[in-house]
Amino acid sequence: MPRSNLIIRHYQSYIKETLEENERTKNNKPMGLFAYFLFFCYIVFWGYVFWMPPLG
């Protein structure tokens, strides 16, 4: 059953890497309102691009 062992090792390494990543980023500060503001600007920009009358 080498395929089963390969998949088991893959998922074990995935879980290990995920837990390490969570520990490393646990103390990072969230973006908060700034992220919402950037997303709003993104929506407004593409809304302006697609709904403005064509040039020329």
N, C-alpha and C. Protein backbone atom coordinates (compact mmCIF):
# COMPACT_ATOMS: atom_id res chain seq x y z
N MET A 1 0.81 -1.20 0.00
CA MET A 1 0.00 0.00 0.00
C MET A 1 0.86 1.27 0.00
N PRO A 2 1.75 1.43 -0.94
CA PRO A 2 2.60 2.63 -0.93
C PRO A 2 1.80 3.91 -1.17
N ARG A 3 0.74 3.82 -1.96
CA ARG A 3 -0.03 5.03 -2.23
C ARG A 3 -0.70 5.54 -0.96
N SER A 4 -1.24 4.65 -0.16
CA SER A 4 -1.88 5.06 1.08
C SER A 4 -0.87 5.71 2.01
N ASN A 5 0.32 5.14 2.11
CA ASN A 5 1.34 5.72 2.97
C ASN A 5 1.77 7.10 2.46
N LEU A 6 1.86 7.24 1.14
CA LEU A 6 2.21 8.53 0.56
C LEU A 6 1.16 9.59 0.91
N ILE A 7 -0.10 9.25 0.78
CA ILE A 7 -1.17 10.20 1.09
C ILE A 7 -1.19 10.51 2.58
N ILE A 8 -0.99 9.51 3.42
CA ILE A 8 -0.96 9.74 4.86
C ILE A 8 0.18 10.68 5.22
N ARG A 9 1.38 10.47 4.65
CA ARG A 9 2.51 11.36 4.91
C ARG A 9 2.24 12.77 4.40
N HIS A 10 1.59 12.86 3.24
CA HIS A 10 1.26 14.17 2.69
C HIS A 10 0.35 14.94 3.64
N TYR A 11 -0.70 14.32 4.12
CA TYR A 11 -1.62 15.01 5.01
C TYR A 11 -0.99 15.30 6.37
N GLN A 12 -0.13 14.43 6.85
CA GLN A 12 0.55 14.71 8.11
C GLN A 12 1.46 15.93 7.95
N SER A 13 2.19 16.02 6.85
CA SER A 13 3.06 17.18 6.65
C SER A 13 2.22 18.44 6.44
N TYR A 14 1.07 18.30 5.77
CA TYR A 14 0.18 19.44 5.58
C TYR A 14 -0.34 19.97 6.91
N ILE A 15 -0.76 19.07 7.78
CA ILE A 15 -1.26 19.47 9.10
C ILE A 15 -0.15 20.12 9.90
N LYS A 16 1.04 19.56 9.85
CA LYS A 16 2.18 20.12 10.58
C LYS A 16 2.51 21.52 10.07
N GLU A 17 2.56 21.70 8.76
CA GLU A 17 2.84 23.03 8.20
C GLU A 17 1.74 24.03 8.54
N THR A 18 0.50 23.58 8.52
CA THR A 18 -0.61 24.47 8.86
C THR A 18 -0.52 24.92 10.31
N LEU A 19 -0.23 24.02 11.21
CA LEU A 19 -0.10 24.38 12.62
C LEU A 19 1.07 25.33 12.84
N GLU A 20 2.19 25.11 12.14
CA GLU A 20 3.34 26.01 12.26
C GLU A 20 2.98 27.40 11.74
N GLU A 21 2.28 27.46 10.63
CA GLU A 21 1.87 28.74 10.05
C GLU A 21 0.93 29.48 11.01
N ASN A 22 0.01 28.75 11.62
CA ASN A 22 -0.91 29.37 12.58
C ASN A 22 -0.16 29.93 13.78
N GLU A 23 0.83 29.20 14.27
CA GLU A 23 1.62 29.68 15.41
C GLU A 23 2.43 30.92 15.03
N ARG A 24 2.97 30.92 13.80
CA ARG A 24 3.80 32.04 13.37
C ARG A 24 2.97 33.31 13.18
N THR A 25 1.73 33.18 12.73
CA THR A 25 0.92 34.36 12.42
C THR A 25 -0.10 34.68 13.52
N LYS A 26 -0.01 34.00 14.65
CA LYS A 26 -1.00 34.21 15.71
C LYS A 26 -0.96 35.63 16.25
N ASN A 27 0.23 36.23 16.35
CA ASN A 27 0.36 37.55 16.96
C ASN A 27 0.28 38.70 15.96
N ASN A 28 0.04 38.39 14.68
CA ASN A 28 -0.10 39.46 13.70
C ASN A 28 -1.38 40.24 13.94
N LYS A 29 -1.30 41.52 13.74
CA LYS A 29 -2.45 42.38 13.93
C LYS A 29 -3.33 42.34 12.68
N PRO A 30 -4.64 42.21 12.82
CA PRO A 30 -5.49 42.23 11.64
C PRO A 30 -5.55 43.63 11.01
N MET A 31 -5.88 43.68 9.75
CA MET A 31 -5.91 44.96 9.03
C MET A 31 -7.03 45.87 9.52
N GLY A 32 -8.14 45.29 9.95
CA GLY A 32 -9.23 46.09 10.48
C GLY A 32 -9.95 46.88 9.40
N LEU A 33 -10.27 48.12 9.71
CA LEU A 33 -11.06 48.95 8.80
C LEU A 33 -10.30 49.31 7.53
N PHE A 34 -8.98 49.32 7.59
CA PHE A 34 -8.20 49.65 6.41
C PHE A 34 -8.46 48.66 5.28
N ALA A 35 -8.62 47.38 5.61
CA ALA A 35 -8.91 46.37 4.59
C ALA A 35 -10.27 46.62 3.95
N TYR A 36 -11.26 46.99 4.75
CA TYR A 36 -12.58 47.31 4.21
C TYR A 36 -12.50 48.53 3.29
N PHE A 37 -11.73 49.52 3.68
CA PHE A 37 -11.56 50.71 2.86
C PHE A 37 -10.92 50.37 1.52
N LEU A 38 -9.87 49.53 1.54
CA LEU A 38 -9.24 49.14 0.28
C LEU A 38 -10.20 48.36 -0.61
N PHE A 39 -10.98 47.48 -0.02
CA PHE A 39 -11.95 46.73 -0.80
C PHE A 39 -13.00 47.65 -1.41
N PHE A 40 -13.46 48.63 -0.64
CA PHE A 40 -14.43 49.60 -1.14
C PHE A 40 -13.84 50.38 -2.32
N CYS A 41 -12.58 50.81 -2.20
CA CYS A 41 -11.92 51.52 -3.31
C CYS A 41 -11.82 50.63 -4.54
N TYR A 42 -11.55 49.37 -4.35
CA TYR A 42 -11.47 48.41 -5.44
C TYR A 42 -12.81 48.31 -6.16
N ILE A 43 -13.89 48.20 -5.41
CA ILE A 43 -15.23 48.10 -6.00
C ILE A 43 -15.59 49.38 -6.75
N VAL A 44 -15.31 50.54 -6.14
CA VAL A 44 -15.62 51.82 -6.78
C VAL A 44 -14.82 51.98 -8.07
N PHE A 45 -13.55 51.62 -8.06
CA PHE A 45 -12.72 51.74 -9.26
C PHE A 45 -13.28 50.91 -10.41
N TRP A 46 -13.57 49.62 -10.14
CA TRP A 46 -14.07 48.79 -11.23
C TRP A 46 -15.49 49.18 -11.63
N GLY A 47 -16.27 49.67 -10.70
CA GLY A 47 -17.59 50.20 -11.06
C GLY A 47 -17.45 51.39 -12.00
N TYR A 48 -16.51 52.25 -11.73
CA TYR A 48 -16.27 53.41 -12.59
C TYR A 48 -15.79 52.95 -13.97
N VAL A 49 -14.91 51.98 -14.01
CA VAL A 49 -14.37 51.51 -15.29
C VAL A 49 -15.46 50.90 -16.15
N PHE A 50 -16.34 50.09 -15.57
CA PHE A 50 -17.32 49.38 -16.38
C PHE A 50 -18.58 50.18 -16.68
N TRP A 51 -18.91 51.18 -15.85
CA TRP A 51 -20.16 51.89 -16.08
C TRP A 51 -19.98 53.29 -16.66
N MET A 52 -18.76 53.70 -16.88
CA MET A 52 -18.57 55.01 -17.51
C MET A 52 -18.84 54.89 -19.01
N PRO A 53 -19.24 55.97 -19.64
CA PRO A 53 -19.47 55.89 -21.09
C PRO A 53 -18.15 55.64 -21.83
N PRO A 54 -18.21 54.96 -22.96
CA PRO A 54 -16.99 54.68 -23.71
C PRO A 54 -16.28 55.95 -24.16
N LEU A 55 -14.99 55.90 -24.22
CA LEU A 55 -14.22 57.06 -24.67
C LEU A 55 -14.26 57.14 -26.20
N GLY A 56 -14.35 58.34 -26.71
CA GLY A 56 -14.30 58.54 -28.17
C GLY A 56 -15.60 58.23 -28.79
